[in-house]
Amino acid sequence: MRGAREYRMRTPIGYWIVMALLGLLAAASLALLTFSLGLSGSRLGLQILMGALVFLPLGYWLTTPQYRIGSGAGLLRILEETIEVPASSGSDPIVFRREGLELTWREVLVELRLFFIPITTIRRGALLELRSPGLRRRISTLTLVDEGAEEALWRDLHPLPTLATTLEGLETPMAGAGRQAGEVDTTPEDEYEEELDRRIDRELG
């Protein structure tokens, strides 16, 4: 690799909007819960529901680290011997050595339904997972700042022999989970894009 490759990342604005809306819902639920506790004959089931809503922001925060970048912004750096990935909290990156590193690239497709009837399928970026002994980080390409950076990142990661790609549980021809070191997949990224297009066409058809 000729020099380091750097990709700017940041926590998406939409993530903070969702957190704010959940916070407002939690605050309203807490107020209603407090009020209902002072009423006689209030329903226990309703109180349990409002109590659960209070913890929605915390649940969302704990289950979505792949959409968060520590300190709000950071760099994903592909170096000769290591890959540095922003952590979900804190300013220090997580450093993965290439030796023993496993990568998975998973397309995220969201199917919209109306009364259980599929309407359309929306692509929501891809989920990159890096694993090595004692380290693991999942990060969404929605955190990439620059337009077109996802395709460039795919090209930079594609030559790595441990890269596996998955599309909604469908393994593409360039999937490489379980490959031995040194077995480099030479399938071009065009096949990846074509496979994605075919899968989306089938979902919409």
C-alpha atoms as a PDB file:
ATOM      1  CA  MET A   1       0.000   0.000   0.000  1.00  0.00           C
ATOM      2  CA  ARG A   2       1.406   3.380  -0.957  1.00  0.00           C
ATOM      3  CA  GLY A   3       1.145   5.456   2.214  1.00  0.00           C
ATOM      4  CA  ALA A   4      -1.727   5.696   4.643  1.00  0.00           C
ATOM      5  CA  ARG A   5      -5.336   5.985   3.567  1.00  0.00           C
ATOM      6  CA  GLU A   6      -7.537   8.158   5.780  1.00  0.00           C
ATOM      7  CA  TYR A   7     -11.325   8.427   5.956  1.00  0.00           C
ATOM      8  CA  ARG A   8     -13.069  11.129   7.965  1.00  0.00           C
ATOM      9  CA  MET A   9     -15.898   9.917  10.176  1.00  0.00           C
ATOM     10  CA  ARG A  10     -18.441  11.575  12.428  1.00  0.00           C
ATOM     11  CA  THR A  11     -21.570  10.647  14.338  1.00  0.00           C
ATOM     12  CA  PRO A  12     -24.470  11.277  11.902  1.00  0.00           C
ATOM     13  CA  ILE A  13     -26.736  14.213  12.683  1.00  0.00           C
ATOM     14  CA  GLY A  14     -29.713  11.882  12.331  1.00  0.00           C
ATOM     15  CA  TYR A  15     -28.392   9.861  15.261  1.00  0.00           C
ATOM     16  CA  TRP A  16     -28.520  12.876  17.558  1.00  0.00           C
ATOM     17  CA  ILE A  17     -31.999  13.775  16.289  1.00  0.00           C
ATOM     18  CA  VAL A  18     -33.245  10.292  17.204  1.00  0.00           C
ATOM     19  CA  MET A  19     -31.583  10.573  20.621  1.00  0.00           C
ATOM     20  CA  ALA A  20     -33.259  13.949  21.191  1.00  0.00           C
ATOM     21  CA  LEU A  21     -36.690  12.627  20.219  1.00  0.00           C
ATOM     22  CA  LEU A  22     -36.273   9.587  22.463  1.00  0.00           C
ATOM     23  CA  GLY A  23     -35.160  11.897  25.267  1.00  0.00           C
ATOM     24  CA  LEU A  24     -38.313  13.982  24.903  1.00  0.00           C
ATOM     25  CA  LEU A  25     -40.431  10.836  24.886  1.00  0.00           C
ATOM     26  CA  ALA A  26     -38.646   9.574  27.987  1.00  0.00           C
ATOM     27  CA  ALA A  27     -39.132  12.897  29.796  1.00  0.00           C
ATOM     28  CA  ALA A  28     -42.836  12.936  28.938  1.00  0.00           C
ATOM     29  CA  SER A  29     -43.214   9.317  30.057  1.00  0.00           C
ATOM     30  CA  LEU A  30     -41.462  10.058  33.338  1.00  0.00           C
ATOM     31  CA  ALA A  31     -43.753  13.021  33.976  1.00  0.00           C
ATOM     32  CA  LEU A  32     -46.852  10.927  33.243  1.00  0.00           C
ATOM     33  CA  LEU A  33     -45.530   8.070  35.367  1.00  0.00           C
ATOM     34  CA  THR A  34     -44.904  10.391  38.305  1.00  0.00           C
ATOM     35  CA  PHE A  35     -48.395  11.874  37.931  1.00  0.00           C
ATOM     36  CA  SER A  36     -50.081   8.474  37.651  1.00  0.00           C
ATOM     37  CA  LEU A  37     -48.414   7.186  40.805  1.00  0.00           C
ATOM     38  CA  GLY A  38     -50.331   9.800  42.762  1.00  0.00           C
ATOM     39  CA  LEU A  39     -53.673   8.693  41.359  1.00  0.00           C
ATOM     40  CA  SER A  40     -55.803   6.002  42.846  1.00  0.00           C
ATOM     41  CA  GLY A  41     -56.909   3.221  40.553  1.00  0.00           C
ATOM     42  CA  SER A  42     -54.231   3.860  37.942  1.00  0.00           C
ATOM     43  CA  ARG A  43     -53.447   0.847  35.765  1.00  0.00           C
ATOM     44  CA  LEU A  44     -50.294  -1.061  36.548  1.00  0.00           C
ATOM     45  CA  GLY A  45     -49.786  -2.107  32.938  1.00  0.00           C
ATOM     46  CA  LEU A  46     -49.772   1.513  31.781  1.00  0.00           C
ATOM     47  CA  GLN A  47     -47.274   2.442  34.479  1.00  0.00           C
ATOM     48  CA  ILE A  48     -44.964  -0.390  33.414  1.00  0.00           C
ATOM     49  CA  LEU A  49     -45.167   0.800  29.799  1.00  0.00           C
ATOM     50  CA  MET A  50     -44.319   4.388  30.769  1.00  0.00           C
ATOM     51  CA  GLY A  51     -41.482   3.122  32.955  1.00  0.00           C
ATOM     52  CA  ALA A  52     -40.057   1.180  30.007  1.00  0.00           C
ATOM     53  CA  LEU A  53     -40.254   4.264  27.774  1.00  0.00           C
ATOM     54  CA  VAL A  54     -38.141   6.172  30.278  1.00  0.00           C
ATOM     55  CA  PHE A  55     -35.209   3.868  29.510  1.00  0.00           C
ATOM     56  CA  LEU A  56     -35.542   4.038  25.714  1.00  0.00           C
ATOM     57  CA  PRO A  57     -32.691   6.566  25.215  1.00  0.00           C
ATOM     58  CA  LEU A  58     -30.339   4.436  27.304  1.00  0.00           C
ATOM     59  CA  GLY A  59     -31.307   1.291  25.393  1.00  0.00           C
ATOM     60  CA  TYR A  60     -30.776   3.028  22.056  1.00  0.00           C
ATOM     61  CA  TRP A  61     -27.391   4.355  23.164  1.00  0.00           C
ATOM     62  CA  LEU A  62     -26.169   0.971  24.368  1.00  0.00           C
ATOM     63  CA  THR A  63     -27.300  -0.940  21.269  1.00  0.00           C
ATOM     64  CA  THR A  64     -26.080   1.435  18.534  1.00  0.00           C
ATOM     65  CA  PRO A  65     -22.335   2.005  19.064  1.00  0.00           C
ATOM     66  CA  GLN A  66     -21.775   1.321  15.339  1.00  0.00           C
ATOM     67  CA  TYR A  67     -23.269   4.746  14.561  1.00  0.00           C
ATOM     68  CA  ARG A  68     -21.234   6.680  17.137  1.00  0.00           C
ATOM     69  CA  ILE A  69     -17.768   8.173  16.797  1.00  0.00           C
ATOM     70  CA  GLY A  70     -15.975   9.085  20.017  1.00  0.00           C
ATOM     71  CA  SER A  71     -15.610  12.878  20.470  1.00  0.00           C
ATOM     72  CA  GLY A  72     -18.086  13.266  17.598  1.00  0.00           C
ATOM     73  CA  ALA A  73     -15.484  12.901  14.821  1.00  0.00           C
ATOM     74  CA  GLY A  74     -12.403  10.859  13.991  1.00  0.00           C
ATOM     75  CA  LEU A  75     -10.334   9.131  11.318  1.00  0.00           C
ATOM     76  CA  LEU A  76     -10.310   5.600   9.989  1.00  0.00           C
ATOM     77  CA  ARG A  77      -6.699   5.020   8.876  1.00  0.00           C
ATOM     78  CA  ILE A  78      -5.467   2.103   6.781  1.00  0.00           C
ATOM     79  CA  LEU A  79      -1.722   1.722   7.340  1.00  0.00           C
ATOM     80  CA  GLU A  80       0.879  -0.749   6.161  1.00  0.00           C
ATOM     81  CA  GLU A  81       0.606  -3.017   9.222  1.00  0.00           C
ATOM     82  CA  THR A  82      -2.397  -1.720  11.142  1.00  0.00           C
ATOM     83  CA  ILE A  83      -5.910  -0.335  10.710  1.00  0.00           C
ATOM     84  CA  GLU A  84      -7.002   2.400  13.117  1.00  0.00           C
ATOM     85  CA  VAL A  85     -10.726   2.766  13.707  1.00  0.00           C
ATOM     86  CA  PRO A  86     -12.438   5.450  15.802  1.00  0.00           C
ATOM     87  CA  ALA A  87     -13.912   4.078  19.020  1.00  0.00           C
ATOM     88  CA  SER A  88     -17.559   4.687  19.917  1.00  0.00           C
ATOM     89  CA  SER A  89     -16.446   6.626  23.003  1.00  0.00           C
ATOM     90  CA  GLY A  90     -13.268   8.483  23.833  1.00  0.00           C
ATOM     91  CA  SER A  91     -10.792  10.094  21.473  1.00  0.00           C
ATOM     92  CA  ASP A  92      -8.260   7.264  21.169  1.00  0.00           C
ATOM     93  CA  PRO A  93      -8.719   4.977  18.132  1.00  0.00           C
ATOM     94  CA  ILE A  94      -8.856   1.194  18.278  1.00  0.00           C
ATOM     95  CA  VAL A  95      -5.736  -0.201  16.604  1.00  0.00           C
ATOM     96  CA  PHE A  96      -6.033  -3.535  14.781  1.00  0.00           C
ATOM     97  CA  ARG A  97      -2.941  -5.293  13.544  1.00  0.00           C
ATOM     98  CA  ARG A  98      -3.380  -6.845  10.090  1.00  0.00           C
ATOM     99  CA  GLU A  99      -1.997 -10.138  11.300  1.00  0.00           C
ATOM    100  CA  GLY A 100      -4.947 -12.184  12.555  1.00  0.00           C
ATOM    101  CA  LEU A 101      -7.477  -9.512  11.580  1.00  0.00           C
ATOM    102  CA  GLU A 102     -10.915 -10.614  10.352  1.00  0.00           C
ATOM    103  CA  LEU A 103     -13.169  -8.235   8.452  1.00  0.00           C
ATOM    104  CA  THR A 104     -16.836  -8.492   7.532  1.00  0.00           C
ATOM    105  CA  TRP A 105     -18.676  -6.073   5.227  1.00  0.00           C
ATOM    106  CA  ARG A 106     -22.453  -6.386   5.538  1.00  0.00           C
ATOM    107  CA  GLU A 107     -24.972  -4.447   3.461  1.00  0.00           C
ATOM    108  CA  VAL A 108     -27.827  -2.982   5.486  1.00  0.00           C
ATOM    109  CA  LEU A 109     -31.190  -3.144   3.705  1.00  0.00           C
ATOM    110  CA  VAL A 110     -34.339  -1.887   5.420  1.00  0.00           C
ATOM    111  CA  GLU A 111     -37.648  -3.224   4.113  1.00  0.00           C
ATOM    112  CA  LEU A 112     -40.597  -0.860   4.545  1.00  0.00           C
ATOM    113  CA  ARG A 113     -43.991  -2.498   4.993  1.00  0.00           C
ATOM    114  CA  LEU A 114     -47.565  -1.242   5.084  1.00  0.00           C
ATOM    115  CA  PHE A 115     -49.898  -3.591   6.930  1.00  0.00           C
ATOM    116  CA  PHE A 116     -47.271  -6.343   6.586  1.00  0.00           C
ATOM    117  CA  ILE A 117     -47.097  -5.787   2.805  1.00  0.00           C
ATOM    118  CA  PRO A 118     -43.582  -4.998   1.492  1.00  0.00           C
ATOM    119  CA  ILE A 119     -43.549  -1.546  -0.110  1.00  0.00           C
ATOM    120  CA  THR A 120     -39.901  -0.836  -0.850  1.00  0.00           C
ATOM    121  CA  THR A 121     -36.382  -1.622   0.265  1.00  0.00           C
ATOM    122  CA  ILE A 122     -33.987   1.128   1.302  1.00  0.00           C
ATOM    123  CA  ARG A 123     -30.240   0.709   1.512  1.00  0.00           C
ATOM    124  CA  ARG A 124     -28.773   2.162   4.713  1.00  0.00           C
ATOM    125  CA  GLY A 125     -25.073   1.934   4.039  1.00  0.00           C
ATOM    126  CA  ALA A 126     -22.949  -1.017   5.099  1.00  0.00           C
ATOM    127  CA  LEU A 127     -21.738  -2.366   8.416  1.00  0.00           C
ATOM    128  CA  LEU A 128     -18.015  -3.017   8.742  1.00  0.00           C
ATOM    129  CA  GLU A 129     -16.923  -5.365  11.518  1.00  0.00           C
ATOM    130  CA  LEU A 130     -13.275  -5.793  12.507  1.00  0.00           C
ATOM    131  CA  ARG A 131     -12.207  -8.624  14.812  1.00  0.00           C
ATOM    132  CA  SER A 132      -8.868  -9.651  16.247  1.00  0.00           C
ATOM    133  CA  PRO A 133      -7.926 -11.397  19.500  1.00  0.00           C
ATOM    134  CA  GLY A 134      -9.284  -9.231  22.315  1.00  0.00           C
ATOM    135  CA  LEU A 135     -10.640  -6.505  20.018  1.00  0.00           C
ATOM    136  CA  ARG A 136     -13.895  -6.005  18.130  1.00  0.00           C
ATOM    137  CA  ARG A 137     -15.460  -2.966  16.499  1.00  0.00           C
ATOM    138  CA  ARG A 138     -18.563  -2.612  14.350  1.00  0.00           C
ATOM    139  CA  ILE A 139     -18.938   0.651  12.470  1.00  0.00           C
ATOM    140  CA  SER A 140     -21.442   1.874   9.885  1.00  0.00           C
ATOM    141  CA  THR A 141     -20.423   3.524   6.635  1.00  0.00           C
ATOM    142  CA  LEU A 142     -23.105   6.120   7.405  1.00  0.00           C
ATOM    143  CA  THR A 143     -20.469   7.687   9.653  1.00  0.00           C
ATOM    144  CA  LEU A 144     -18.282   8.507   6.630  1.00  0.00           C
ATOM    145  CA  VAL A 145     -18.150  12.246   5.984  1.00  0.00           C
ATOM    146  CA  ASP A 146     -17.106  12.468   2.350  1.00  0.00           C
ATOM    147  CA  GLU A 147     -19.387  11.575  -0.549  1.00  0.00           C
ATOM    148  CA  GLY A 148     -18.131   8.517  -2.400  1.00  0.00           C
ATOM    149  CA  ALA A 149     -15.926   7.476   0.517  1.00  0.00           C
ATOM    150  CA  GLU A 150     -17.789   4.183   0.971  1.00  0.00           C
ATOM    151  CA  GLU A 151     -16.812   2.899  -2.468  1.00  0.00           C
ATOM    152  CA  ALA A 152     -13.209   4.019  -1.931  1.00  0.00           C
ATOM    153  CA  LEU A 153     -13.112   2.318   1.461  1.00  0.00           C
ATOM    154  CA  TRP A 154     -14.421  -0.889  -0.098  1.00  0.00           C
ATOM    155  CA  ARG A 155     -11.666  -0.770  -2.729  1.00  0.00           C
ATOM    156  CA  ASP A 156      -9.009  -0.266  -0.061  1.00  0.00           C
ATOM    157  CA  LEU A 157     -10.282  -3.137   2.077  1.00  0.00           C
ATOM    158  CA  HIS A 158     -11.117  -5.515  -0.777  1.00  0.00           C
ATOM    159  CA  PRO A 159      -7.564  -6.837  -1.370  1.00  0.00           C
ATOM    160  CA  LEU A 160      -7.278  -7.978   2.245  1.00  0.00           C
ATOM    161  CA  PRO A 161      -7.491 -11.795   2.299  1.00  0.00           C
ATOM    162  CA  THR A 162      -9.670 -11.907   5.429  1.00  0.00           C
ATOM    163  CA  LEU A 163     -12.450  -9.684   4.089  1.00  0.00           C
ATOM    164  CA  ALA A 164     -15.869 -11.343   3.977  1.00  0.00           C
ATOM    165  CA  THR A 165     -18.917  -9.623   2.529  1.00  0.00           C
ATOM    166  CA  THR A 166     -22.516 -10.419   3.326  1.00  0.00           C
ATOM    167  CA  LEU A 167     -25.716  -9.058   1.827  1.00  0.00           C
ATOM    168  CA  GLU A 168     -28.711  -9.651   4.076  1.00  0.00           C
ATOM    169  CA  GLY A 169     -27.417 -13.105   4.908  1.00  0.00           C
ATOM    170  CA  LEU A 170     -26.507 -13.829   1.265  1.00  0.00           C
ATOM    171  CA  GLU A 171     -22.797 -14.447   0.823  1.00  0.00           C
ATOM    172  CA  THR A 172     -21.464 -12.839  -2.323  1.00  0.00           C
ATOM    173  CA  PRO A 173     -18.844 -14.470  -4.589  1.00  0.00           C
ATOM    174  CA  MET A 174     -16.063 -12.437  -2.963  1.00  0.00           C
ATOM    175  CA  ALA A 175     -16.940 -13.539   0.568  1.00  0.00           C
ATOM    176  CA  GLY A 176     -13.810 -14.802   2.258  1.00  0.00           C
ATOM    177  CA  ALA A 177     -14.604 -15.895   5.807  1.00  0.00           C
ATOM    178  CA  GLY A 178     -12.270 -18.692   6.726  1.00  0.00           C
ATOM    179  CA  ARG A 179      -9.725 -17.990   3.989  1.00  0.00           C
ATOM    180  CA  GLN A 180      -6.147 -18.751   4.811  1.00  0.00           C
ATOM    181  CA  ALA A 181      -3.635 -15.910   4.925  1.00  0.00           C
ATOM    182  CA  GLY A 182      -2.192 -15.215   1.514  1.00  0.00           C
ATOM    183  CA  GLU A 183      -5.280 -16.283  -0.440  1.00  0.00           C
ATOM    184  CA  VAL A 184      -6.204 -12.982  -2.055  1.00  0.00           C
ATOM    185  CA  ASP A 185      -9.601 -12.603  -3.706  1.00  0.00           C
ATOM    186  CA  THR A 186      -9.126 -10.903  -7.059  1.00  0.00           C
ATOM    187  CA  THR A 187     -12.838 -10.415  -7.791  1.00  0.00           C
ATOM    188  CA  PRO A 188     -13.283  -6.730  -8.733  1.00  0.00           C
ATOM    189  CA  GLU A 189     -15.614  -4.469  -6.809  1.00  0.00           C
ATOM    190  CA  ASP A 190     -17.860  -4.321  -9.879  1.00  0.00           C
ATOM    191  CA  GLU A 191     -19.207  -7.799  -9.039  1.00  0.00           C
ATOM    192  CA  TYR A 192     -20.010  -6.627  -5.526  1.00  0.00           C
ATOM    193  CA  GLU A 193     -22.044  -3.705  -6.851  1.00  0.00           C
ATOM    194  CA  GLU A 194     -23.770  -5.891  -9.440  1.00  0.00           C
ATOM    195  CA  GLU A 195     -24.724  -8.441  -6.776  1.00  0.00           C
ATOM    196  CA  LEU A 196     -26.142  -5.665  -4.614  1.00  0.00           C
ATOM    197  CA  ASP A 197     -28.171  -4.313  -7.543  1.00  0.00           C
ATOM    198  CA  ARG A 198     -29.537  -7.778  -8.323  1.00  0.00           C
ATOM    199  CA  ARG A 199     -30.570  -8.339  -4.709  1.00  0.00           C
ATOM    200  CA  ILE A 200     -32.338  -4.972  -4.452  1.00  0.00           C
ATOM    201  CA  ASP A 201     -34.102  -5.620  -7.792  1.00  0.00           C
ATOM    202  CA  ARG A 202     -35.375  -8.942  -6.412  1.00  0.00           C
ATOM    203  CA  GLU A 203     -36.593  -7.241  -3.240  1.00  0.00           C
ATOM    204  CA  LEU A 204     -38.448  -4.570  -5.224  1.00  0.00           C
ATOM    205  CA  GLY A 205     -39.741  -7.043  -7.810  1.00  0.00           C
END
